[in-house]
Amino acid sequence: LQAEQCFYLKEYESAKRCYDDAISFAKDYRFVHEEALACELAGYFLIDRGEGNSSLPYFMRAQRKYPEWGASAKEESLKTFIEEQFGELTEGEAVCERPRGVTTDLRKRRAS
């Protein structure tokens, strides 16, 4: 929540640090659902900041984490989003040269 608040307040460096801290904390304490959510939100944050290439590893990690806690529908939804934004990826690929038509209003996308 602190990362989202920093993002809203345009404190971008603090937001990035808070997203990464949340991901790390969730991983350390095995809160898989929190890790998945934090990764996905960090990805949207980076896209919104114009850092689409940096967002892909966060989305890929979130997609891997969702099924660990039974959120298969969320996994599929995120898979579709990744394919729409970055194209179809090969197994293990986590870098792309340029995102395709990145959704401009990500706050609306998050609500869906």
Protein backbone atom coordinates (compact mmCIF):
# COMPACT_ATOMS: atom_id res chain seq x y z
CA LEU A 1 0.00 0.00 0.00
CA GLN A 2 2.88 2.35 0.74
CA ALA A 3 4.21 1.90 -2.80
CA GLU A 4 0.81 2.75 -4.28
CA GLN A 5 0.58 5.82 -2.06
CA CYS A 6 4.04 7.00 -3.15
CA PHE A 7 3.06 6.40 -6.78
CA TYR A 8 -0.11 8.45 -6.32
CA LEU A 9 1.89 11.26 -4.68
CA LYS A 10 4.39 11.17 -7.56
CA GLU A 11 7.22 10.11 -5.25
CA TYR A 12 8.51 7.73 -7.90
CA GLU A 13 11.87 6.74 -6.42
CA SER A 14 10.20 5.91 -3.10
CA ALA A 15 7.46 4.01 -4.90
CA LYS A 16 9.98 1.86 -6.81
CA ARG A 17 11.83 1.07 -3.59
CA CYS A 18 8.58 0.24 -1.78
CA TYR A 19 7.40 -2.10 -4.55
CA ASP A 20 10.73 -3.94 -4.46
CA ASP A 21 10.67 -4.07 -0.65
CA ALA A 22 7.12 -5.47 -0.68
CA ILE A 23 8.10 -8.14 -3.19
CA SER A 24 11.18 -9.10 -1.19
CA PHE A 25 9.30 -9.18 2.12
CA ALA A 26 6.49 -11.28 0.65
CA LYS A 27 9.00 -13.74 -0.81
CA ASP A 28 11.00 -13.98 2.44
CA TYR A 29 7.89 -14.73 4.48
CA ARG A 30 6.27 -16.91 1.80
CA PHE A 31 3.24 -14.70 1.24
CA VAL A 32 2.84 -15.91 -2.33
CA HIS A 33 -0.37 -13.98 -2.98
CA GLU A 34 1.23 -10.73 -1.77
CA GLU A 35 4.30 -11.36 -3.90
CA ALA A 36 2.18 -11.89 -7.02
CA LEU A 37 0.12 -8.77 -6.42
CA ALA A 38 3.18 -6.62 -5.64
CA CYS A 39 4.93 -7.84 -8.80
CA GLU A 40 1.93 -7.06 -10.97
CA LEU A 41 1.44 -3.60 -9.47
CA ALA A 42 5.16 -2.85 -9.85
CA GLY A 43 4.85 -3.79 -13.51
CA TYR A 44 1.97 -1.36 -14.05
CA PHE A 45 3.93 1.31 -12.19
CA LEU A 46 6.93 0.87 -14.50
CA ILE A 47 4.78 0.99 -17.63
CA ASP A 48 3.13 4.16 -16.38
CA ARG A 49 6.61 5.64 -15.84
CA GLY A 50 7.58 4.84 -19.42
CA GLU A 51 9.79 1.90 -18.42
CA GLY A 52 7.89 -0.83 -20.24
CA ASN A 53 10.96 -2.96 -20.87
CA SER A 54 11.70 -3.05 -17.14
CA SER A 55 8.14 -4.09 -16.34
CA LEU A 56 8.17 -7.42 -18.14
CA PRO A 57 10.13 -9.41 -15.53
CA TYR A 58 7.70 -8.21 -12.85
CA PHE A 59 4.69 -9.32 -14.89
CA MET A 60 6.32 -12.66 -15.68
CA ARG A 61 7.06 -13.27 -12.01
CA ALA A 62 3.49 -12.38 -11.05
CA GLN A 63 2.19 -14.77 -13.69
CA ARG A 64 4.32 -17.57 -12.22
CA LYS A 65 3.16 -16.81 -8.67
CA TYR A 66 -0.60 -16.61 -9.22
CA PRO A 67 -1.13 -20.35 -9.80
CA GLU A 68 0.83 -21.14 -6.63
CA TRP A 69 -2.15 -19.92 -4.63
CA GLY A 70 -4.86 -21.12 -6.96
CA ALA A 71 -5.52 -17.92 -8.90
CA SER A 72 -5.57 -19.57 -12.31
CA ALA A 73 -8.05 -17.05 -13.78
CA LYS A 74 -5.74 -14.22 -12.74
CA GLU A 75 -2.80 -16.06 -14.27
CA GLU A 76 -4.67 -16.35 -17.59
CA SER A 77 -5.73 -12.71 -17.48
CA LEU A 78 -2.16 -11.59 -16.89
CA LYS A 79 -0.90 -13.92 -19.63
CA THR A 80 -3.29 -12.26 -22.08
CA PHE A 81 -2.16 -8.81 -20.93
CA ILE A 82 1.52 -9.75 -21.39
CA GLU A 83 0.87 -11.08 -24.89
CA GLU A 84 -1.08 -7.94 -25.84
CA GLN A 85 1.60 -5.61 -24.54
CA PHE A 86 4.81 -7.47 -25.37
CA GLY A 87 3.86 -10.04 -27.98
CA GLU A 88 4.10 -13.78 -27.59
CA LEU A 89 7.14 -14.79 -25.55
CA THR A 90 9.19 -17.94 -25.73
CA GLU A 91 9.79 -20.11 -22.66
CA GLY A 92 12.04 -18.27 -20.20
CA GLU A 93 12.08 -15.01 -22.16
CA ALA A 94 11.86 -11.98 -19.89
CA VAL A 95 13.25 -9.16 -22.01
CA CYS A 96 11.82 -7.48 -25.05
CA GLU A 97 13.00 -4.59 -27.14
CA ARG A 98 9.85 -2.52 -27.05
CA PRO A 99 6.38 -3.06 -25.64
CA ARG A 100 3.57 -3.10 -28.19
CA GLY A 101 0.84 -0.50 -27.82
CA VAL A 102 1.10 -0.30 -24.05
CA THR A 103 -2.24 0.53 -22.52
CA THR A 104 -2.21 4.23 -21.77
CA ASP A 105 -4.78 4.28 -18.99
CA LEU A 106 -3.42 1.60 -16.70
CA ARG A 107 -5.48 2.71 -13.72
CA LYS A 108 -8.62 1.66 -15.61
CA ARG A 109 -6.89 -1.60 -16.62
CA ARG A 110 -6.11 -2.36 -12.96
CA ALA A 111 -9.77 -2.08 -12.04
CA SER A 112 -10.74 -4.87 -14.42
